[in-house]
């Protein structure tokens, strides 16, 4: 199991963990959960879009989504795209720092 190297990083409970979310058009999108970063009192999830050409545990573009709702167990239940580019850059930098021993960033 992979572990992050920062106190503000929550790794997935298992590698290759997939979730399905609906996009703004109502279409289902499969995403591999890479981890959660706590930043400025908010939670941000990092995901890898999964497809036939890019299966789980492969590499590619990372998507950052803000957690907007928690379930009864305080687990993320709803996400939204991060609209603020400056915040997205800050949390992505936190993610890169926390996972520098796990992933190669170009």
PDB file of N, CA and C in Angstrom:
ATOM      1  N   UNK A   1       0.840  -1.186   0.000  1.00  0.00           N
ATOM      2  CA  UNK A   1       0.000   0.000   0.000  1.00  0.00           C
ATOM      3  C   UNK A   1       0.876   1.237   0.000  1.00  0.00           C
ATOM      4  N   UNK A   2       0.517   2.195  -0.824  1.00  0.00           N
ATOM      5  CA  UNK A   2       1.247   3.448  -0.892  1.00  0.00           C
ATOM      6  C   UNK A   2       0.908   4.330   0.295  1.00  0.00           C
ATOM      7  N   UNK A   3       1.873   5.114   0.732  1.00  0.00           N
ATOM      8  CA  UNK A   3       1.641   6.048   1.827  1.00  0.00           C
ATOM      9  C   UNK A   3       2.198   7.400   1.431  1.00  0.00           C
ATOM     10  N   UNK A   4       1.510   8.456   1.791  1.00  0.00           N
ATOM     11  CA  UNK A   4       1.988   9.794   1.508  1.00  0.00           C
ATOM     12  C   UNK A   4       3.016  10.227   2.522  1.00  0.00           C
ATOM     13  N   UNK A   5       3.690  11.310   2.201  1.00  0.00           N
ATOM     14  CA  UNK A   5       4.751  11.786   3.084  1.00  0.00           C
ATOM     15  C   UNK A   5       4.435  13.159   3.668  1.00  0.00           C
ATOM     16  N   UNK A   6       3.169  13.448   3.875  1.00  0.00           N
ATOM     17  CA  UNK A   6       2.781  14.739   4.441  1.00  0.00           C
ATOM     18  C   UNK A   6       1.556  14.551   5.335  1.00  0.00           C
ATOM     19  N   UNK A   7       1.473  15.325   6.421  1.00  0.00           N
ATOM     20  CA  UNK A   7       0.335  15.159   7.338  1.00  0.00           C
ATOM     21  C   UNK A   7      -0.997  15.630   6.749  1.00  0.00           C
ATOM     22  N   UNK A   8      -0.959  16.417   5.667  1.00  0.00           N
ATOM     23  CA  UNK A   8      -2.192  16.906   5.052  1.00  0.00           C
ATOM     24  C   UNK A   8      -2.654  16.021   3.898  1.00  0.00           C
ATOM     25  N   UNK A   9      -2.068  14.826   3.757  1.00  0.00           N
ATOM     26  CA  UNK A   9      -2.409  13.928   2.653  1.00  0.00           C
ATOM     27  C   UNK A   9      -3.056  12.659   3.185  1.00  0.00           C
ATOM     28  N   UNK A  10      -4.176  12.284   2.592  1.00  0.00           N
ATOM     29  CA  UNK A  10      -4.870  11.044   2.929  1.00  0.00           C
ATOM     30  C   UNK A  10      -4.835  10.155   1.691  1.00  0.00           C
ATOM     31  N   UNK A  11      -4.055   9.069   1.717  1.00  0.00           N
ATOM     32  CA  UNK A  11      -3.980   8.186   0.548  1.00  0.00           C
ATOM     33  C   UNK A  11      -5.237   7.334   0.425  1.00  0.00           C
ATOM     34  N   UNK A  12      -5.442   6.723  -0.737  1.00  0.00           N
ATOM     35  CA  UNK A  12      -6.578   5.799  -0.873  1.00  0.00           C
ATOM     36  C   UNK A  12      -6.367   4.577   0.008  1.00  0.00           C
ATOM     37  N   UNK A  13      -7.448   3.931   0.401  1.00  0.00           N
ATOM     38  CA  UNK A  13      -7.334   2.742   1.242  1.00  0.00           C
ATOM     39  C   UNK A  13      -6.822   1.543   0.458  1.00  0.00           C
ATOM     40  N   UNK A  14      -6.941   1.586  -0.876  1.00  0.00           N
ATOM     41  CA  UNK A  14      -6.389   0.535  -1.722  1.00  0.00           C
ATOM     42  C   UNK A  14      -5.991   1.126  -3.070  1.00  0.00           C
ATOM     43  N   UNK A  15      -4.915   0.610  -3.644  1.00  0.00           N
ATOM     44  CA  UNK A  15      -4.462   1.081  -4.943  1.00  0.00           C
ATOM     45  C   UNK A  15      -5.463   0.691  -6.013  1.00  0.00           C
ATOM     46  N   UNK A  16      -5.614   1.567  -7.008  1.00  0.00           N
ATOM     47  CA  UNK A  16      -6.512   1.284  -8.117  1.00  0.00           C
ATOM     48  C   UNK A  16      -7.977   1.454  -7.774  1.00  0.00           C
ATOM     49  N   UNK A  17      -8.271   2.110  -6.644  1.00  0.00           N
ATOM     50  CA  UNK A  17      -9.646   2.322  -6.201  1.00  0.00           C
ATOM     51  C   UNK A  17     -10.383   3.230  -7.183  1.00  0.00           C
ATOM     52  N   UNK A  18     -11.472   2.741  -7.748  1.00  0.00           N
ATOM     53  CA  UNK A  18     -12.243   3.497  -8.735  1.00  0.00           C
ATOM     54  C   UNK A  18     -13.544   4.004  -8.141  1.00  0.00           C
ATOM     55  N   UNK A  19     -13.911   5.195  -8.567  1.00  0.00           N
ATOM     56  CA  UNK A  19     -15.235   5.724  -8.250  1.00  0.00           C
ATOM     57  C   UNK A  19     -15.855   6.208  -9.549  1.00  0.00           C
ATOM     58  N   UNK A  20     -17.161   6.231  -9.596  1.00  0.00           N
ATOM     59  CA  UNK A  20     -17.875   6.746 -10.756  1.00  0.00           C
ATOM     60  C   UNK A  20     -18.610   8.004 -10.338  1.00  0.00           C
ATOM     61  N   UNK A  21     -18.406   9.056 -11.107  1.00  0.00           N
ATOM     62  CA  UNK A  21     -19.105  10.315 -10.873  1.00  0.00           C
ATOM     63  C   UNK A  21     -19.858  10.690 -12.131  1.00  0.00           C
ATOM     64  N   UNK A  22     -20.880  11.511 -11.975  1.00  0.00           N
ATOM     65  CA  UNK A  22     -21.600  12.011 -13.140  1.00  0.00           C
ATOM     66  C   UNK A  22     -21.080  13.392 -13.472  1.00  0.00           C
ATOM     67  N   UNK A  23     -20.815  13.623 -14.764  1.00  0.00           N
ATOM     68  CA  UNK A  23     -20.370  14.950 -15.183  1.00  0.00           C
ATOM     69  C   UNK A  23     -21.586  15.862 -15.336  1.00  0.00           C
ATOM     70  N   UNK A  24     -21.329  17.099 -15.761  1.00  0.00           N
ATOM     71  CA  UNK A  24     -22.410  18.089 -15.862  1.00  0.00           C
ATOM     72  C   UNK A  24     -23.465  17.710 -16.902  1.00  0.00           C
ATOM     73  N   UNK A  25     -23.154  16.772 -17.802  1.00  0.00           N
ATOM     74  CA  UNK A  25     -24.115  16.299 -18.809  1.00  0.00           C
ATOM     75  C   UNK A  25     -24.848  15.048 -18.348  1.00  0.00           C
ATOM     76  N   UNK A  26     -24.537  14.583 -17.122  1.00  0.00           N
ATOM     77  CA  UNK A  26     -25.184  13.396 -16.587  1.00  0.00           C
ATOM     78  C   UNK A  26     -24.527  12.099 -17.016  1.00  0.00           C
ATOM     79  N   UNK A  27     -23.383  12.183 -17.689  1.00  0.00           N
ATOM     80  CA  UNK A  27     -22.669  10.987 -18.131  1.00  0.00           C
ATOM     81  C   UNK A  27     -21.753  10.484 -17.018  1.00  0.00           C
ATOM     82  N   UNK A  28     -21.643   9.178 -16.889  1.00  0.00           N
ATOM     83  CA  UNK A  28     -20.802   8.571 -15.862  1.00  0.00           C
ATOM     84  C   UNK A  28     -19.342   8.604 -16.295  1.00  0.00           C
ATOM     85  N   UNK A  29     -18.476   8.987 -15.359  1.00  0.00           N
ATOM     86  CA  UNK A  29     -17.041   9.059 -15.588  1.00  0.00           C
ATOM     87  C   UNK A  29     -16.356   8.235 -14.507  1.00  0.00           C
ATOM     88  N   UNK A  30     -15.495   7.300 -14.928  1.00  0.00           N
ATOM     89  CA  UNK A  30     -14.752   6.484 -13.963  1.00  0.00           C
ATOM     90  C   UNK A  30     -13.427   7.166 -13.655  1.00  0.00           C
ATOM     91  N   UNK A  31     -13.127   7.274 -12.364  1.00  0.00           N
ATOM     92  CA  UNK A  31     -11.911   7.934 -11.905  1.00  0.00           C
ATOM     93  C   UNK A  31     -11.195   7.065 -10.886  1.00  0.00           C
ATOM     94  N   UNK A  32      -9.878   6.987 -11.030  1.00  0.00           N
ATOM     95  CA  UNK A  32      -9.063   6.317 -10.023  1.00  0.00           C
ATOM     96  C   UNK A  32      -8.736   7.348  -8.945  1.00  0.00           C
ATOM     97  N   UNK A  33      -9.035   7.024  -7.700  1.00  0.00           N
ATOM     98  CA  UNK A  33      -8.765   7.928  -6.581  1.00  0.00           C
ATOM     99  C   UNK A  33      -7.295   7.833  -6.200  1.00  0.00           C
ATOM    100  N   UNK A  34      -6.586   8.975  -6.247  1.00  0.00           N
ATOM    101  CA  UNK A  34      -5.160   9.020  -5.942  1.00  0.00           C
ATOM    102  C   UNK A  34      -4.870   9.511  -4.533  1.00  0.00           C
ATOM    103  N   UNK A  35      -5.818  10.218  -3.937  1.00  0.00           N
ATOM    104  CA  UNK A  35      -5.621  10.713  -2.586  1.00  0.00           C
ATOM    105  C   UNK A  35      -6.349  12.016  -2.353  1.00  0.00           C
ATOM    106  N   UNK A  36      -6.320  12.436  -1.105  1.00  0.00           N
ATOM    107  CA  UNK A  36      -7.022  13.637  -0.668  1.00  0.00           C
ATOM    108  C   UNK A  36      -6.017  14.555   0.019  1.00  0.00           C
ATOM    109  N   UNK A  37      -6.103  15.847  -0.284  1.00  0.00           N
ATOM    110  CA  UNK A  37      -5.242  16.845   0.341  1.00  0.00           C
ATOM    111  C   UNK A  37      -6.116  17.791   1.153  1.00  0.00           C
ATOM    112  N   UNK A  38      -5.696  18.053   2.379  1.00  0.00           N
ATOM    113  CA  UNK A  38      -6.359  19.041   3.230  1.00  0.00           C
ATOM    114  C   UNK A  38      -5.617  20.353   3.046  1.00  0.00           C
ATOM    115  N   UNK A  39      -6.356  21.409   2.700  1.00  0.00           N
ATOM    116  CA  UNK A  39      -5.725  22.696   2.399  1.00  0.00           C
ATOM    117  C   UNK A  39      -6.687  23.826   2.771  1.00  0.00           C
ATOM    118  N   UNK A  40      -6.237  24.701   3.634  1.00  0.00           N
ATOM    119  CA  UNK A  40      -7.059  25.863   3.989  1.00  0.00           C
ATOM    120  C   UNK A  40      -8.412  25.506   4.556  1.00  0.00           C
ATOM    121  N   UNK A  41      -8.485  24.427   5.323  1.00  0.00           N
ATOM    122  CA  UNK A  41      -9.754  24.026   5.926  1.00  0.00           C
ATOM    123  C   UNK A  41     -10.697  23.305   4.977  1.00  0.00           C
ATOM    124  N   UNK A  42     -10.242  23.012   3.763  1.00  0.00           N
ATOM    125  CA  UNK A  42     -11.060  22.306   2.776  1.00  0.00           C
ATOM    126  C   UNK A  42     -10.363  21.031   2.334  1.00  0.00           C
ATOM    127  N   UNK A  43     -11.131  20.169   1.694  1.00  0.00           N
ATOM    128  CA  UNK A  43     -10.604  18.889   1.211  1.00  0.00           C
ATOM    129  C   UNK A  43     -10.632  18.883  -0.314  1.00  0.00           C
ATOM    130  N   UNK A  44      -9.549  18.374  -0.905  1.00  0.00           N
ATOM    131  CA  UNK A  44      -9.445  18.290  -2.356  1.00  0.00           C
ATOM    132  C   UNK A  44      -9.019  16.879  -2.739  1.00  0.00           C
ATOM    133  N   UNK A  45      -9.790  16.270  -3.623  1.00  0.00           N
ATOM    134  CA  UNK A  45      -9.477  14.934  -4.091  1.00  0.00           C
ATOM    135  C   UNK A  45      -8.746  14.984  -5.414  1.00  0.00           C
ATOM    136  N   UNK A  46      -7.809  14.052  -5.598  1.00  0.00           N
ATOM    137  CA  UNK A  46      -7.057  13.957  -6.843  1.00  0.00           C
ATOM    138  C   UNK A  46      -7.378  12.629  -7.499  1.00  0.00           C
ATOM    139  N   UNK A  47      -7.646  12.713  -8.802  1.00  0.00           N
ATOM    140  CA  UNK A  47      -8.146  11.571  -9.539  1.00  0.00           C
ATOM    141  C   UNK A  47      -7.464  11.454 -10.895  1.00  0.00           C
ATOM    142  N   UNK A  48      -7.465  10.228 -11.409  1.00  0.00           N
ATOM    143  CA  UNK A  48      -6.972   9.944 -12.744  1.00  0.00           C
ATOM    144  C   UNK A  48      -8.145   9.387 -13.542  1.00  0.00           C
ATOM    145  N   UNK A  49      -8.552  10.076 -14.634  1.00  0.00           N
ATOM    146  CA  UNK A  49      -9.652   9.553 -15.462  1.00  0.00           C
ATOM    147  C   UNK A  49      -9.258   8.207 -16.081  1.00  0.00           C
ATOM    148  N   UNK A  50     -10.103   7.209 -15.904  1.00  0.00           N
ATOM    149  CA  UNK A  50      -9.830   5.853 -16.374  1.00  0.00           C
ATOM    150  C   UNK A  50     -10.640   5.578 -17.642  1.00  0.00           C
ATOM    151  N   UNK A  51      -9.972   4.956 -18.605  1.00  0.00           N
ATOM    152  CA  UNK A  51     -10.626   4.556 -19.851  1.00  0.00           C
ATOM    153  C   UNK A  51      -9.962   3.280 -20.348  1.00  0.00           C
ATOM    154  N   UNK A  52     -10.428   2.766 -21.481  1.00  0.00           N
ATOM    155  CA  UNK A  52      -9.797   1.573 -22.060  1.00  0.00           C
ATOM    156  C   UNK A  52      -8.344   1.856 -22.428  1.00  0.00           C
ATOM    157  N   UNK A  53      -8.075   3.083 -22.893  1.00  0.00           N
ATOM    158  CA  UNK A  53      -6.715   3.460 -23.275  1.00  0.00           C
ATOM    159  C   UNK A  53      -5.844   3.829 -22.080  1.00  0.00           C
ATOM    160  N   UNK A  54      -6.465   4.206 -20.969  1.00  0.00           N
ATOM    161  CA  UNK A  54      -5.736   4.610 -19.763  1.00  0.00           C
ATOM    162  C   UNK A  54      -6.354   3.914 -18.556  1.00  0.00           C
ATOM    163  N   UNK A  55      -5.994   2.649 -18.323  1.00  0.00           N
ATOM    164  CA  UNK A  55      -6.575   1.900 -17.203  1.00  0.00           C
ATOM    165  C   UNK A  55      -6.056   2.394 -15.854  1.00  0.00           C
ATOM    166  N   UNK A  56      -6.712   1.978 -14.796  1.00  0.00           N
ATOM    167  CA  UNK A  56      -6.253   2.303 -13.440  1.00  0.00           C
ATOM    168  C   UNK A  56      -4.808   1.853 -13.280  1.00  0.00           C
ATOM    169  N   UNK A  57      -4.084   2.575 -12.440  1.00  0.00           N
ATOM    170  CA  UNK A  57      -2.674   2.336 -12.144  1.00  0.00           C
ATOM    171  C   UNK A  57      -1.747   2.692 -13.303  1.00  0.00           C
ATOM    172  N   UNK A  58      -2.277   3.369 -14.336  1.00  0.00           N
ATOM    173  CA  UNK A  58      -1.398   3.873 -15.391  1.00  0.00           C
ATOM    174  C   UNK A  58      -1.144   5.349 -15.106  1.00  0.00           C
ATOM    175  N   UNK A  59      -0.707   6.105 -16.096  1.00  0.00           N
ATOM    176  CA  UNK A  59      -0.392   7.508 -15.829  1.00  0.00           C
ATOM    177  C   UNK A  59      -1.080   8.416 -16.832  1.00  0.00           C
ATOM    178  N   UNK A  60      -1.130   9.689 -16.477  1.00  0.00           N
ATOM    179  CA  UNK A  60      -1.763  10.677 -17.344  1.00  0.00           C
ATOM    180  C   UNK A  60      -2.142  11.914 -16.568  1.00  0.00           C
ATOM    181  N   UNK A  61      -3.053  12.672 -17.114  1.00  0.00           N
ATOM    182  CA  UNK A  61      -3.488  13.925 -16.509  1.00  0.00           C
ATOM    183  C   UNK A  61      -4.249  13.666 -15.210  1.00  0.00           C
ATOM    184  N   UNK A  62      -3.988  14.493 -14.214  1.00  0.00           N
ATOM    185  CA  UNK A  62      -4.637  14.386 -12.910  1.00  0.00           C
ATOM    186  C   UNK A  62      -5.737  15.443 -12.817  1.00  0.00           C
ATOM    187  N   UNK A  63      -6.865  15.058 -12.248  1.00  0.00           N
ATOM    188  CA  UNK A  63      -7.993  15.959 -12.055  1.00  0.00           C
ATOM    189  C   UNK A  63      -8.120  16.266 -10.565  1.00  0.00           C
ATOM    190  N   UNK A  64      -8.293  17.546 -10.245  1.00  0.00           N
ATOM    191  CA  UNK A  64      -8.479  17.976  -8.858  1.00  0.00           C
ATOM    192  C   UNK A  64      -9.935  18.398  -8.666  1.00  0.00           C
ATOM    193  N   UNK A  65     -10.588  17.795  -7.672  1.00  0.00           N
ATOM    194  CA  UNK A  65     -11.974  18.121  -7.350  1.00  0.00           C
ATOM    195  C   UNK A  65     -12.076  18.483  -5.875  1.00  0.00           C
ATOM    196  N   UNK A  66     -12.852  19.519  -5.579  1.00  0.00           N
ATOM    197  CA  UNK A  66     -13.071  19.897  -4.183  1.00  0.00           C
ATOM    198  C   UNK A  66     -14.204  19.065  -3.603  1.00  0.00           C
ATOM    199  N   UNK A  67     -14.002  18.592  -2.388  1.00  0.00           N
ATOM    200  CA  UNK A  67     -15.056  17.866  -1.678  1.00  0.00           C
ATOM    201  C   UNK A  67     -16.078  18.900  -1.209  1.00  0.00           C
ATOM    202  N   UNK A  68     -17.328  18.715  -1.611  1.00  0.00           N
ATOM    203  CA  UNK A  68     -18.374  19.675  -1.263  1.00  0.00           C
ATOM    204  C   UNK A  68     -19.386  19.125  -0.266  1.00  0.00           C
ATOM    205  N   UNK A  69     -19.312  17.823  -0.021  1.00  0.00           N
ATOM    206  CA  UNK A  69     -20.260  17.204   0.903  1.00  0.00           C
ATOM    207  C   UNK A  69     -19.626  15.955   1.500  1.00  0.00           C
ATOM    208  N   UNK A  70     -19.898  15.729   2.774  1.00  0.00           N
ATOM    209  CA  UNK A  70     -19.427  14.529   3.471  1.00  0.00           C
ATOM    210  C   UNK A  70     -20.621  13.665   3.854  1.00  0.00           C
ATOM    211  N   UNK A  71     -20.396  12.349   3.930  1.00  0.00           N
ATOM    212  CA  UNK A  71     -21.466  11.453   4.368  1.00  0.00           C
ATOM    213  C   UNK A  71     -21.479  11.379   5.891  1.00  0.00           C
ATOM    214  N   UNK A  72     -22.291  10.506   6.433  1.00  0.00           N
ATOM    215  CA  UNK A  72     -22.426  10.378   7.888  1.00  0.00           C
ATOM    216  C   UNK A  72     -21.141   9.927   8.565  1.00  0.00           C
ATOM    217  N   UNK A  73     -20.259   9.260   7.805  1.00  0.00           N
ATOM    218  CA  UNK A  73     -18.977   8.792   8.337  1.00  0.00           C
ATOM    219  C   UNK A  73     -17.844   9.783   8.065  1.00  0.00           C
ATOM    220  N   UNK A  74     -18.218  11.012   7.662  1.00  0.00           N
ATOM    221  CA  UNK A  74     -17.243  12.060   7.355  1.00  0.00           C
ATOM    222  C   UNK A  74     -16.362  11.727   6.154  1.00  0.00           C
ATOM    223  N   UNK A  75     -16.880  10.880   5.247  1.00  0.00           N
ATOM    224  CA  UNK A  75     -16.177  10.536   4.020  1.00  0.00           C
ATOM    225  C   UNK A  75     -16.731  11.385   2.877  1.00  0.00           C
ATOM    226  N   UNK A  76     -15.894  11.730   1.883  1.00  0.00           N
ATOM    227  CA  UNK A  76     -16.374  12.531   0.757  1.00  0.00           C
ATOM    228  C   UNK A  76     -17.569  11.878   0.063  1.00  0.00           C
ATOM    229  N   UNK A  77     -18.593  12.689  -0.181  1.00  0.00           N
ATOM    230  CA  UNK A  77     -19.799  12.191  -0.833  1.00  0.00           C
ATOM    231  C   UNK A  77     -20.130  12.951  -2.106  1.00  0.00           C
ATOM    232  N   UNK A  78     -19.594  14.156  -2.270  1.00  0.00           N
ATOM    233  CA  UNK A  78     -19.853  14.953  -3.472  1.00  0.00           C
ATOM    234  C   UNK A  78     -18.631  15.811  -3.766  1.00  0.00           C
ATOM    235  N   UNK A  79     -18.411  16.043  -5.067  1.00  0.00           N
ATOM    236  CA  UNK A  79     -17.237  16.789  -5.518  1.00  0.00           C
ATOM    237  C   UNK A  79     -17.630  17.813  -6.572  1.00  0.00           C
ATOM    238  N   UNK A  80     -16.806  18.858  -6.700  1.00  0.00           N
ATOM    239  CA  UNK A  80     -16.957  19.844  -7.766  1.00  0.00           C
ATOM    240  C   UNK A  80     -15.580  20.212  -8.291  1.00  0.00           C
ATOM    241  N   UNK A  81     -15.526  20.592  -9.564  1.00  0.00           N
ATOM    242  CA  UNK A  81     -14.270  21.081 -10.123  1.00  0.00           C
ATOM    243  C   UNK A  81     -13.828  22.326  -9.380  1.00  0.00           C
ATOM    244  N   UNK A  82     -12.538  22.491  -9.225  1.00  0.00           N
ATOM    245  CA  UNK A  82     -11.985  23.674  -8.570  1.00  0.00           C
ATOM    246  C   UNK A  82     -11.959  24.797  -9.609  1.00  0.00           C
ATOM    247  N   UNK A  83     -12.740  25.855  -9.381  1.00  0.00           N
ATOM    248  CA  UNK A  83     -12.849  26.960 -10.334  1.00  0.00           C
ATOM    249  C   UNK A  83     -11.693  27.949 -10.233  1.00  0.00           C
ATOM    250  N   UNK A  84     -11.161  28.136  -9.047  1.00  0.00           N
ATOM    251  CA  UNK A  84     -10.105  29.110  -8.805  1.00  0.00           C
ATOM    252  C   UNK A  84      -8.749  28.514  -9.194  1.00  0.00           C
ATOM    253  N   UNK A  85      -8.138  29.046 -10.264  1.00  0.00           N
ATOM    254  CA  UNK A  85      -6.867  28.504 -10.769  1.00  0.00           C
ATOM    255  C   UNK A  85      -5.753  28.608  -9.734  1.00  0.00           C
ATOM    256  N   UNK A  86      -5.725  29.674  -8.949  1.00  0.00           N
ATOM    257  CA  UNK A  86      -4.680  29.843  -7.935  1.00  0.00           C
ATOM    258  C   UNK A  86      -4.799  28.767  -6.852  1.00  0.00           C
ATOM    259  N   UNK A  87      -6.013  28.489  -6.409  1.00  0.00           N
ATOM    260  CA  UNK A  87      -6.237  27.436  -5.409  1.00  0.00           C
ATOM    261  C   UNK A  87      -5.866  26.077  -6.004  1.00  0.00           C
ATOM    262  N   UNK A  88      -6.273  25.836  -7.244  1.00  0.00           N
ATOM    263  CA  UNK A  88      -5.947  24.564  -7.893  1.00  0.00           C
ATOM    264  C   UNK A  88      -4.437  24.361  -7.955  1.00  0.00           C
ATOM    265  N   UNK A  89      -3.695  25.407  -8.274  1.00  0.00           N
ATOM    266  CA  UNK A  89      -2.234  25.317  -8.326  1.00  0.00           C
ATOM    267  C   UNK A  89      -1.644  25.041  -6.944  1.00  0.00           C
ATOM    268  N   UNK A  90      -2.174  25.705  -5.918  1.00  0.00           N
ATOM    269  CA  UNK A  90      -1.685  25.500  -4.546  1.00  0.00           C
ATOM    270  C   UNK A  90      -1.906  24.070  -4.074  1.00  0.00           C
ATOM    271  N   UNK A  91      -3.120  23.559  -4.281  1.00  0.00           N
ATOM    272  CA  UNK A  91      -3.402  22.208  -3.795  1.00  0.00           C
ATOM    273  C   UNK A  91      -2.686  21.153  -4.632  1.00  0.00           C
ATOM    274  N   UNK A  92      -2.480  21.431  -5.924  1.00  0.00           N
ATOM    275  CA  UNK A  92      -1.720  20.493  -6.751  1.00  0.00           C
ATOM    276  C   UNK A  92      -0.263  20.456  -6.292  1.00  0.00           C
ATOM    277  N   UNK A  93       0.274  21.613  -5.929  1.00  0.00           N
ATOM    278  CA  UNK A  93       1.649  21.655  -5.392  1.00  0.00           C
ATOM    279  C   UNK A  93       1.721  20.857  -4.089  1.00  0.00           C
ATOM    280  N   UNK A  94       0.706  20.976  -3.233  1.00  0.00           N
ATOM    281  CA  UNK A  94       0.647  20.176  -2.000  1.00  0.00           C
ATOM    282  C   UNK A  94       0.598  18.687  -2.327  1.00  0.00           C
ATOM    283  N   UNK A  95      -0.208  18.317  -3.318  1.00  0.00           N
ATOM    284  CA  UNK A  95      -0.326  16.927  -3.738  1.00  0.00           C
ATOM    285  C   UNK A  95       1.017  16.407  -4.263  1.00  0.00           C
ATOM    286  N   UNK A  96       1.674  17.203  -5.094  1.00  0.00           N
ATOM    287  CA  UNK A  96       2.982  16.795  -5.623  1.00  0.00           C
ATOM    288  C   UNK A  96       3.993  16.594  -4.498  1.00  0.00           C
ATOM    289  N   UNK A  97       4.002  17.503  -3.538  1.00  0.00           N
ATOM    290  CA  UNK A  97       4.933  17.396  -2.416  1.00  0.00           C
ATOM    291  C   UNK A  97       4.651  16.139  -1.586  1.00  0.00           C
ATOM    292  N   UNK A  98       3.381  15.904  -1.291  1.00  0.00           N
ATOM    293  CA  UNK A  98       2.995  14.777  -0.445  1.00  0.00           C
ATOM    294  C   UNK A  98       3.234  13.426  -1.128  1.00  0.00           C
ATOM    295  N   UNK A  99       3.166  13.397  -2.461  1.00  0.00           N
ATOM    296  CA  UNK A  99       3.267  12.129  -3.186  1.00  0.00           C
ATOM    297  C   UNK A  99       4.531  12.037  -4.030  1.00  0.00           C
ATOM    298  N   UNK A 100       5.516  12.866  -3.743  1.00  0.00           N
ATOM    299  CA  UNK A 100       6.735  12.908  -4.564  1.00  0.00           C
ATOM    300  C   UNK A 100       7.461  11.570  -4.615  1.00  0.00           C
ATOM    301  N   UNK A 101       7.292  10.734  -3.593  1.00  0.00           N
ATOM    302  CA  UNK A 101       7.931   9.418  -3.591  1.00  0.00           C
ATOM    303  C   UNK A 101       7.034   8.338  -4.228  1.00  0.00           C
ATOM    304  N   UNK A 102       5.809   8.723  -4.581  1.00  0.00           N
ATOM    305  CA  UNK A 102       4.862   7.767  -5.143  1.00  0.00           C
ATOM    306  C   UNK A 102       4.699   7.899  -6.655  1.00  0.00           C
ATOM    307  N   UNK A 103       4.702   9.145  -7.139  1.00  0.00           N
ATOM    308  CA  UNK A 103       4.414   9.422  -8.543  1.00  0.00           C
ATOM    309  C   UNK A 103       5.536  10.255  -9.155  1.00  0.00           C
ATOM    310  N   UNK A 104       5.698  10.109 -10.468  1.00  0.00           N
ATOM    311  CA  UNK A 104       6.625  10.945 -11.220  1.00  0.00           C
ATOM    312  C   UNK A 104       5.835  12.079 -11.857  1.00  0.00           C
ATOM    313  N   UNK A 105       6.234  13.307 -11.584  1.00  0.00           N
ATOM    314  CA  UNK A 105       5.568  14.464 -12.155  1.00  0.00           C
ATOM    315  C   UNK A 105       6.492  15.110 -13.174  1.00  0.00           C
ATOM    316  N   UNK A 106       5.940  15.450 -14.320  1.00  0.00           N
ATOM    317  CA  UNK A 106       6.750  16.095 -15.371  1.00  0.00           C
ATOM    318  C   UNK A 106       6.556  17.581 -15.351  1.00  0.00           C
TER     319      UNK A 106
END
